[in-house]
Amino acid sequence: MAQAQGFGRKYIKAFFKGFFVAVPVTVTFLDRVACVARVEGASMQPSLNPGGKQTSDVVLLNHWSIRNYDVQRGDIVSLV
């Protein structure tokens, strides 16, 4: 029985170690490199959301290109 408790604690400890490493890495990635966003509404029609208000498109927002000023003609820029 005592061995089973040590076995469970081992997994809980490993989970929390992984959690406290994964969360900052994920937040940094989403803030600095790229994140996913949903486009809803008619503001970008017909390029995005061509089906109307019933549908939504999912886009990848590339933060890396903006930081390097690598924006070209035809790119869609999102401002928050």
PDB file of N, CA and C in Angstrom:
ATOM      1  N   MET A   1       0.821  -1.192   0.000  1.00  0.00           N
ATOM      2  CA  MET A   1       0.000   0.000   0.000  1.00  0.00           C
ATOM      3  C   MET A   1       0.865   1.256   0.000  1.00  0.00           C
ATOM      4  N   ALA A   2       1.908   1.263   0.814  1.00  0.00           N
ATOM      5  CA  ALA A   2       2.791   2.429   0.867  1.00  0.00           C
ATOM      6  C   ALA A   2       3.502   2.628  -0.460  1.00  0.00           C
ATOM      7  N   GLN A   3       3.785   1.524  -1.129  1.00  0.00           N
ATOM      8  CA  GLN A   3       4.453   1.621  -2.423  1.00  0.00           C
ATOM      9  C   GLN A   3       3.507   2.249  -3.462  1.00  0.00           C
ATOM     10  N   ALA A   4       2.224   1.977  -3.370  1.00  0.00           N
ATOM     11  CA  ALA A   4       1.247   2.550  -4.295  1.00  0.00           C
ATOM     12  C   ALA A   4       1.118   4.052  -4.088  1.00  0.00           C
ATOM     13  N   GLN A   5       1.186   4.514  -2.828  1.00  0.00           N
ATOM     14  CA  GLN A   5       1.129   5.946  -2.556  1.00  0.00           C
ATOM     15  C   GLN A   5       2.360   6.654  -3.120  1.00  0.00           C
ATOM     16  N   GLY A   6       3.522   6.059  -2.994  1.00  0.00           N
ATOM     17  CA  GLY A   6       4.738   6.637  -3.555  1.00  0.00           C
ATOM     18  C   GLY A   6       4.681   6.685  -5.068  1.00  0.00           C
ATOM     19  N   PHE A   7       4.062   5.681  -5.651  1.00  0.00           N
ATOM     20  CA  PHE A   7       3.899   5.607  -7.099  1.00  0.00           C
ATOM     21  C   PHE A   7       3.002   6.744  -7.591  1.00  0.00           C
ATOM     22  N   GLY A   8       1.888   7.015  -6.871  1.00  0.00           N
ATOM     23  CA  GLY A   8       0.974   8.100  -7.227  1.00  0.00           C
ATOM     24  C   GLY A   8       1.607   9.459  -7.053  1.00  0.00           C
ATOM     25  N   ARG A   9       2.349   9.633  -5.990  1.00  0.00           N
ATOM     26  CA  ARG A   9       3.031  10.908  -5.742  1.00  0.00           C
ATOM     27  C   ARG A   9       4.059  11.192  -6.826  1.00  0.00           C
ATOM     28  N   LYS A  10       4.694  10.136  -7.302  1.00  0.00           N
ATOM     29  CA  LYS A  10       5.696  10.290  -8.363  1.00  0.00           C
ATOM     30  C   LYS A  10       5.053  10.874  -9.625  1.00  0.00           C
ATOM     31  N   TYR A  11       3.875  10.369  -9.981  1.00  0.00           N
ATOM     32  CA  TYR A  11       3.191  10.865 -11.173  1.00  0.00           C
ATOM     33  C   TYR A  11       2.645  12.270 -10.972  1.00  0.00           C
ATOM     34  N   ILE A  12       2.151  12.564  -9.795  1.00  0.00           N
ATOM     35  CA  ILE A  12       1.654  13.910  -9.508  1.00  0.00           C
ATOM     36  C   ILE A  12       2.798  14.910  -9.561  1.00  0.00           C
ATOM     37  N   LYS A  13       3.930  14.546  -9.002  1.00  0.00           N
ATOM     38  CA  LYS A  13       5.102  15.422  -9.023  1.00  0.00           C
ATOM     39  C   LYS A  13       5.578  15.649 -10.463  1.00  0.00           C
ATOM     40  N   ALA A  14       5.596  14.603 -11.274  1.00  0.00           N
ATOM     41  CA  ALA A  14       6.003  14.726 -12.683  1.00  0.00           C
ATOM     42  C   ALA A  14       5.011  15.592 -13.457  1.00  0.00           C
ATOM     43  N   PHE A  15       3.720  15.458 -13.157  1.00  0.00           N
ATOM     44  CA  PHE A  15       2.706  16.283 -13.821  1.00  0.00           C
ATOM     45  C   PHE A  15       2.932  17.754 -13.526  1.00  0.00           C
ATOM     46  N   PHE A  16       3.133  18.103 -12.266  1.00  0.00           N
ATOM     47  CA  PHE A  16       3.318  19.504 -11.917  1.00  0.00           C
ATOM     48  C   PHE A  16       4.616  20.072 -12.470  1.00  0.00           C
ATOM     49  N   LYS A  17       5.666  19.276 -12.520  1.00  0.00           N
ATOM     50  CA  LYS A  17       6.911  19.745 -13.143  1.00  0.00           C
ATOM     51  C   LYS A  17       6.673  20.058 -14.615  1.00  0.00           C
ATOM     52  N   GLY A  18       5.994  19.160 -15.311  1.00  0.00           N
ATOM     53  CA  GLY A  18       5.698  19.381 -16.722  1.00  0.00           C
ATOM     54  C   GLY A  18       4.768  20.554 -16.928  1.00  0.00           C
ATOM     55  N   PHE A  19       3.795  20.714 -16.043  1.00  0.00           N
ATOM     56  CA  PHE A  19       2.840  21.813 -16.136  1.00  0.00           C
ATOM     57  C   PHE A  19       3.531  23.155 -15.985  1.00  0.00           C
ATOM     58  N   PHE A  20       4.411  23.271 -15.002  1.00  0.00           N
ATOM     59  CA  PHE A  20       5.082  24.543 -14.756  1.00  0.00           C
ATOM     60  C   PHE A  20       6.156  24.864 -15.786  1.00  0.00           C
ATOM     61  N   VAL A  21       6.522  23.905 -16.600  1.00  0.00           N
ATOM     62  CA  VAL A  21       7.417  24.166 -17.725  1.00  0.00           C
ATOM     63  C   VAL A  21       6.585  24.477 -18.976  1.00  0.00           C
ATOM     64  N   ALA A  22       5.512  23.741 -19.210  1.00  0.00           N
ATOM     65  CA  ALA A  22       4.726  23.877 -20.432  1.00  0.00           C
ATOM     66  C   ALA A  22       3.956  25.196 -20.501  1.00  0.00           C
ATOM     67  N   VAL A  23       3.427  25.667 -19.391  1.00  0.00           N
ATOM     68  CA  VAL A  23       2.620  26.887 -19.410  1.00  0.00           C
ATOM     69  C   VAL A  23       3.446  28.108 -19.831  1.00  0.00           C
ATOM     70  N   PRO A  24       4.604  28.393 -19.224  1.00  0.00           N
ATOM     71  CA  PRO A  24       5.368  29.554 -19.683  1.00  0.00           C
ATOM     72  C   PRO A  24       5.861  29.425 -21.126  1.00  0.00           C
ATOM     73  N   VAL A  25       6.220  28.212 -21.537  1.00  0.00           N
ATOM     74  CA  VAL A  25       6.665  28.012 -22.912  1.00  0.00           C
ATOM     75  C   VAL A  25       5.524  28.286 -23.883  1.00  0.00           C
ATOM     76  N   THR A  26       4.330  27.807 -23.580  1.00  0.00           N
ATOM     77  CA  THR A  26       3.168  28.021 -24.437  1.00  0.00           C
ATOM     78  C   THR A  26       2.790  29.487 -24.504  1.00  0.00           C
ATOM     79  N   VAL A  27       2.765  30.160 -23.377  1.00  0.00           N
ATOM     80  CA  VAL A  27       2.412  31.582 -23.349  1.00  0.00           C
ATOM     81  C   VAL A  27       3.434  32.396 -24.144  1.00  0.00           C
ATOM     82  N   THR A  28       4.709  32.096 -23.987  1.00  0.00           N
ATOM     83  CA  THR A  28       5.745  32.805 -24.736  1.00  0.00           C
ATOM     84  C   THR A  28       5.595  32.559 -26.228  1.00  0.00           C
ATOM     85  N   PHE A  29       5.326  31.309 -26.630  1.00  0.00           N
ATOM     86  CA  PHE A  29       5.144  30.997 -28.043  1.00  0.00           C
ATOM     87  C   PHE A  29       3.966  31.769 -28.622  1.00  0.00           C
ATOM     88  N   LEU A  30       2.832  31.765 -27.923  1.00  0.00           N
ATOM     89  CA  LEU A  30       1.642  32.451 -28.418  1.00  0.00           C
ATOM     90  C   LEU A  30       1.830  33.963 -28.473  1.00  0.00           C
ATOM     91  N   ASP A  31       2.657  34.511 -27.602  1.00  0.00           N
ATOM     92  CA  ASP A  31       2.882  35.954 -27.573  1.00  0.00           C
ATOM     93  C   ASP A  31       3.939  36.398 -28.584  1.00  0.00           C
ATOM     94  N   ARG A  32       4.955  35.602 -28.796  1.00  0.00           N
ATOM     95  CA  ARG A  32       6.093  36.016 -29.624  1.00  0.00           C
ATOM     96  C   ARG A  32       6.102  35.446 -31.034  1.00  0.00           C
ATOM     97  N   VAL A  33       5.591  34.249 -31.245  1.00  0.00           N
ATOM     98  CA  VAL A  33       5.746  33.577 -32.544  1.00  0.00           C
ATOM     99  C   VAL A  33       4.442  33.601 -33.335  1.00  0.00           C
ATOM    100  N   ALA A  34       3.410  32.947 -32.846  1.00  0.00           N
ATOM    101  CA  ALA A  34       2.162  32.868 -33.605  1.00  0.00           C
ATOM    102  C   ALA A  34       1.021  32.444 -32.697  1.00  0.00           C
ATOM    103  N   CYS A  35      -0.188  32.770 -33.107  1.00  0.00           N
ATOM    104  CA  CYS A  35      -1.372  32.307 -32.404  1.00  0.00           C
ATOM    105  C   CYS A  35      -2.500  32.124 -33.411  1.00  0.00           C
ATOM    106  N   VAL A  36      -3.545  31.462 -32.998  1.00  0.00           N
ATOM    107  CA  VAL A  36      -4.682  31.180 -33.854  1.00  0.00           C
ATOM    108  C   VAL A  36      -5.836  32.085 -33.436  1.00  0.00           C
ATOM    109  N   ALA A  37      -6.535  32.647 -34.435  1.00  0.00           N
ATOM    110  CA  ALA A  37      -7.672  33.521 -34.152  1.00  0.00           C
ATOM    111  C   ALA A  37      -8.823  33.173 -35.087  1.00  0.00           C
ATOM    112  N   ARG A  38     -10.022  33.530 -34.682  1.00  0.00           N
ATOM    113  CA  ARG A  38     -11.211  33.285 -35.487  1.00  0.00           C
ATOM    114  C   ARG A  38     -11.696  34.611 -36.063  1.00  0.00           C
ATOM    115  N   VAL A  39     -12.039  34.597 -37.356  1.00  0.00           N
ATOM    116  CA  VAL A  39     -12.566  35.774 -38.035  1.00  0.00           C
ATOM    117  C   VAL A  39     -14.067  35.577 -38.190  1.00  0.00           C
ATOM    118  N   GLU A  40     -14.821  36.489 -37.607  1.00  0.00           N
ATOM    119  CA  GLU A  40     -16.279  36.429 -37.686  1.00  0.00           C
ATOM    120  C   GLU A  40     -16.798  37.754 -38.217  1.00  0.00           C
ATOM    121  N   GLY A  41     -17.933  37.730 -38.849  1.00  0.00           N
ATOM    122  CA  GLY A  41     -18.547  38.953 -39.327  1.00  0.00           C
ATOM    123  C   GLY A  41     -18.231  39.239 -40.779  1.00  0.00           C
ATOM    124  N   ALA A  42     -18.732  40.368 -41.260  1.00  0.00           N
ATOM    125  CA  ALA A  42     -18.645  40.702 -42.680  1.00  0.00           C
ATOM    126  C   ALA A  42     -17.508  41.659 -43.009  1.00  0.00           C
ATOM    127  N   SER A  43     -16.673  41.991 -42.073  1.00  0.00           N
ATOM    128  CA  SER A  43     -15.655  43.016 -42.324  1.00  0.00           C
ATOM    129  C   SER A  43     -14.594  42.593 -43.329  1.00  0.00           C
ATOM    130  N   MET A  44     -14.311  41.307 -43.446  1.00  0.00           N
ATOM    131  CA  MET A  44     -13.265  40.850 -44.358  1.00  0.00           C
ATOM    132  C   MET A  44     -13.823  40.087 -45.563  1.00  0.00           C
ATOM    133  N   GLN A  45     -15.106  40.177 -45.821  1.00  0.00           N
ATOM    134  CA  GLN A  45     -15.687  39.467 -46.961  1.00  0.00           C
ATOM    135  C   GLN A  45     -15.272  40.146 -48.252  1.00  0.00           C
ATOM    136  N   PRO A  46     -15.062  39.480 -49.336  1.00  0.00           N
ATOM    137  CA  PRO A  46     -15.201  38.062 -49.581  1.00  0.00           C
ATOM    138  C   PRO A  46     -13.905  37.279 -49.361  1.00  0.00           C
ATOM    139  N   SER A  47     -12.800  37.944 -48.988  1.00  0.00           N
ATOM    140  CA  SER A  47     -11.528  37.221 -48.787  1.00  0.00           C
ATOM    141  C   SER A  47     -11.644  36.194 -47.673  1.00  0.00           C
ATOM    142  N   LEU A  48     -12.135  36.623 -46.545  1.00  0.00           N
ATOM    143  CA  LEU A  48     -12.356  35.728 -45.413  1.00  0.00           C
ATOM    144  C   LEU A  48     -13.840  35.714 -45.107  1.00  0.00           C
ATOM    145  N   ASN A  49     -14.297  34.582 -44.628  1.00  0.00           N
ATOM    146  CA  ASN A  49     -15.695  34.442 -44.229  1.00  0.00           C
ATOM    147  C   ASN A  49     -16.661  34.620 -45.398  1.00  0.00           C
ATOM    148  N   PRO A  50     -16.447  33.937 -46.524  1.00  0.00           N
ATOM    149  CA  PRO A  50     -17.314  34.168 -47.678  1.00  0.00           C
ATOM    150  C   PRO A  50     -18.745  33.663 -47.512  1.00  0.00           C
ATOM    151  N   GLY A  51     -18.974  32.792 -46.554  1.00  0.00           N
ATOM    152  CA  GLY A  51     -20.311  32.221 -46.385  1.00  0.00           C
ATOM    153  C   GLY A  51     -21.283  33.115 -45.662  1.00  0.00           C
ATOM    154  N   GLY A  52     -20.841  34.209 -45.127  1.00  0.00           N
ATOM    155  CA  GLY A  52     -21.730  35.096 -44.392  1.00  0.00           C
ATOM    156  C   GLY A  52     -21.543  34.974 -42.901  1.00  0.00           C
ATOM    157  N   LYS A  53     -22.523  35.395 -42.157  1.00  0.00           N
ATOM    158  CA  LYS A  53     -22.411  35.438 -40.701  1.00  0.00           C
ATOM    159  C   LYS A  53     -22.514  34.066 -40.040  1.00  0.00           C
ATOM    160  N   GLN A  54     -22.996  33.055 -40.755  1.00  0.00           N
ATOM    161  CA  GLN A  54     -23.166  31.743 -40.146  1.00  0.00           C
ATOM    162  C   GLN A  54     -21.839  31.012 -39.991  1.00  0.00           C
ATOM    163  N   THR A  55     -20.836  31.372 -40.760  1.00  0.00           N
ATOM    164  CA  THR A  55     -19.560  30.664 -40.709  1.00  0.00           C
ATOM    165  C   THR A  55     -18.475  31.583 -40.173  1.00  0.00           C
ATOM    166  N   SER A  56     -17.371  30.978 -39.785  1.00  0.00           N
ATOM    167  CA  SER A  56     -16.217  31.760 -39.356  1.00  0.00           C
ATOM    168  C   SER A  56     -14.960  31.074 -39.868  1.00  0.00           C
ATOM    169  N   ASP A  57     -13.946  31.843 -40.164  1.00  0.00           N
ATOM    170  CA  ASP A  57     -12.671  31.312 -40.627  1.00  0.00           C
ATOM    171  C   ASP A  57     -11.665  31.365 -39.484  1.00  0.00           C
ATOM    172  N   VAL A  58     -10.726  30.444 -39.523  1.00  0.00           N
ATOM    173  CA  VAL A  58      -9.656  30.400 -38.540  1.00  0.00           C
ATOM    174  C   VAL A  58      -8.367  30.782 -39.250  1.00  0.00           C
ATOM    175  N   VAL A  59      -7.630  31.731 -38.681  1.00  0.00           N
ATOM    176  CA  VAL A  59      -6.387  32.217 -39.289  1.00  0.00           C
ATOM    177  C   VAL A  59      -5.240  32.101 -38.297  1.00  0.00           C
ATOM    178  N   LEU A  60      -4.037  32.020 -38.819  1.00  0.00           N
ATOM    179  CA  LEU A  60      -2.831  32.007 -38.005  1.00  0.00           C
ATOM    180  C   LEU A  60      -2.238  33.402 -38.027  1.00  0.00           C
ATOM    181  N   LEU A  61      -2.123  34.020 -36.860  1.00  0.00           N
ATOM    182  CA  LEU A  61      -1.527  35.346 -36.751  1.00  0.00           C
ATOM    183  C   LEU A  61      -0.035  35.177 -36.492  1.00  0.00           C
ATOM    184  N   ASN A  62       0.776  35.603 -37.451  1.00  0.00           N
ATOM    185  CA  ASN A  62       2.220  35.423 -37.396  1.00  0.00           C
ATOM    186  C   ASN A  62       2.860  36.651 -36.759  1.00  0.00           C
ATOM    187  N   HIS A  63       3.180  36.571 -35.486  1.00  0.00           N
ATOM    188  CA  HIS A  63       3.804  37.682 -34.772  1.00  0.00           C
ATOM    189  C   HIS A  63       5.263  37.863 -35.188  1.00  0.00           C
ATOM    190  N   TRP A  64       5.894  36.791 -35.620  1.00  0.00           N
ATOM    191  CA  TRP A  64       7.313  36.821 -35.967  1.00  0.00           C
ATOM    192  C   TRP A  64       7.560  37.757 -37.151  1.00  0.00           C
ATOM    193  N   SER A  65       6.710  37.723 -38.163  1.00  0.00           N
ATOM    194  CA  SER A  65       6.887  38.586 -39.341  1.00  0.00           C
ATOM    195  C   SER A  65       6.723  40.051 -38.987  1.00  0.00           C
ATOM    196  N   ILE A  66       5.800  40.346 -38.115  1.00  0.00           N
ATOM    197  CA  ILE A  66       5.582  41.741 -37.719  1.00  0.00           C
ATOM    198  C   ILE A  66       6.785  42.286 -36.961  1.00  0.00           C
ATOM    199  N   ARG A  67       7.371  41.475 -36.095  1.00  0.00           N
ATOM    200  CA  ARG A  67       8.542  41.920 -35.334  1.00  0.00           C
ATOM    201  C   ARG A  67       9.734  42.197 -36.241  1.00  0.00           C
ATOM    202  N   ASN A  68       9.820  41.482 -37.369  1.00  0.00           N
ATOM    203  CA  ASN A  68      10.920  41.680 -38.318  1.00  0.00           C
ATOM    204  C   ASN A  68      10.544  42.620 -39.457  1.00  0.00           C
ATOM    205  N   TYR A  69       9.396  43.271 -39.378  1.00  0.00           N
ATOM    206  CA  TYR A  69       8.905  44.184 -40.410  1.00  0.00           C
ATOM    207  C   TYR A  69       8.879  43.512 -41.779  1.00  0.00           C
ATOM    208  N   ASP A  70       8.414  42.278 -41.827  1.00  0.00           N
ATOM    209  CA  ASP A  70       8.354  41.498 -43.053  1.00  0.00           C
ATOM    210  C   ASP A  70       6.921  41.436 -43.565  1.00  0.00           C
ATOM    211  N   VAL A  71       6.288  42.606 -43.704  1.00  0.00           N
ATOM    212  CA  VAL A  71       4.929  42.695 -44.192  1.00  0.00           C
ATOM    213  C   VAL A  71       4.990  43.083 -45.663  1.00  0.00           C
ATOM    214  N   GLN A  72       4.258  42.336 -46.493  1.00  0.00           N
ATOM    215  CA  GLN A  72       4.279  42.592 -47.925  1.00  0.00           C
ATOM    216  C   GLN A  72       2.880  42.930 -48.426  1.00  0.00           C
ATOM    217  N   ARG A  73       2.825  43.449 -49.621  1.00  0.00           N
ATOM    218  CA  ARG A  73       1.545  43.795 -50.227  1.00  0.00           C
ATOM    219  C   ARG A  73       0.692  42.523 -50.360  1.00  0.00           C
ATOM    220  N   GLY A  74      -0.568  42.625 -49.982  1.00  0.00           N
ATOM    221  CA  GLY A  74      -1.477  41.488 -50.040  1.00  0.00           C
ATOM    222  C   GLY A  74      -1.628  40.764 -48.706  1.00  0.00           C
ATOM    223  N   ASP A  75      -0.768  41.054 -47.742  1.00  0.00           N
ATOM    224  CA  ASP A  75      -0.882  40.444 -46.418  1.00  0.00           C
ATOM    225  C   ASP A  75      -2.043  41.062 -45.654  1.00  0.00           C
ATOM    226  N   ILE A  76      -2.674  40.290 -44.821  1.00  0.00           N
ATOM    227  CA  ILE A  76      -3.743  40.786 -43.969  1.00  0.00           C
ATOM    228  C   ILE A  76      -3.140  41.057 -42.601  1.00  0.00           C
ATOM    229  N   VAL A  77      -3.365  42.257 -42.102  1.00  0.00           N
ATOM    230  CA  VAL A  77      -2.801  42.670 -40.810  1.00  0.00           C
ATOM    231  C   VAL A  77      -3.936  42.803 -39.807  1.00  0.00           C
ATOM    232  N   SER A  78      -3.734  42.266 -38.618  1.00  0.00           N
ATOM    233  CA  SER A  78      -4.732  42.325 -37.559  1.00  0.00           C
ATOM    234  C   SER A  78      -4.272  43.277 -36.471  1.00  0.00           C
ATOM    235  N   LEU A  79      -5.131  44.187 -36.087  1.00  0.00           N
ATOM    236  CA  LEU A  79      -4.833  45.105 -34.999  1.00  0.00           C
ATOM    237  C   LEU A  79      -5.781  44.804 -33.838  1.00  0.00           C
ATOM    238  N   VAL A  80      -5.232  44.768 -32.647  1.00  0.00           N
ATOM    239  CA  VAL A  80      -6.048  44.482 -31.465  1.00  0.00           C
ATOM    240  C   VAL A  80      -6.146  45.741 -30.629  1.00  0.00           C
TER     241      VAL A  80
END
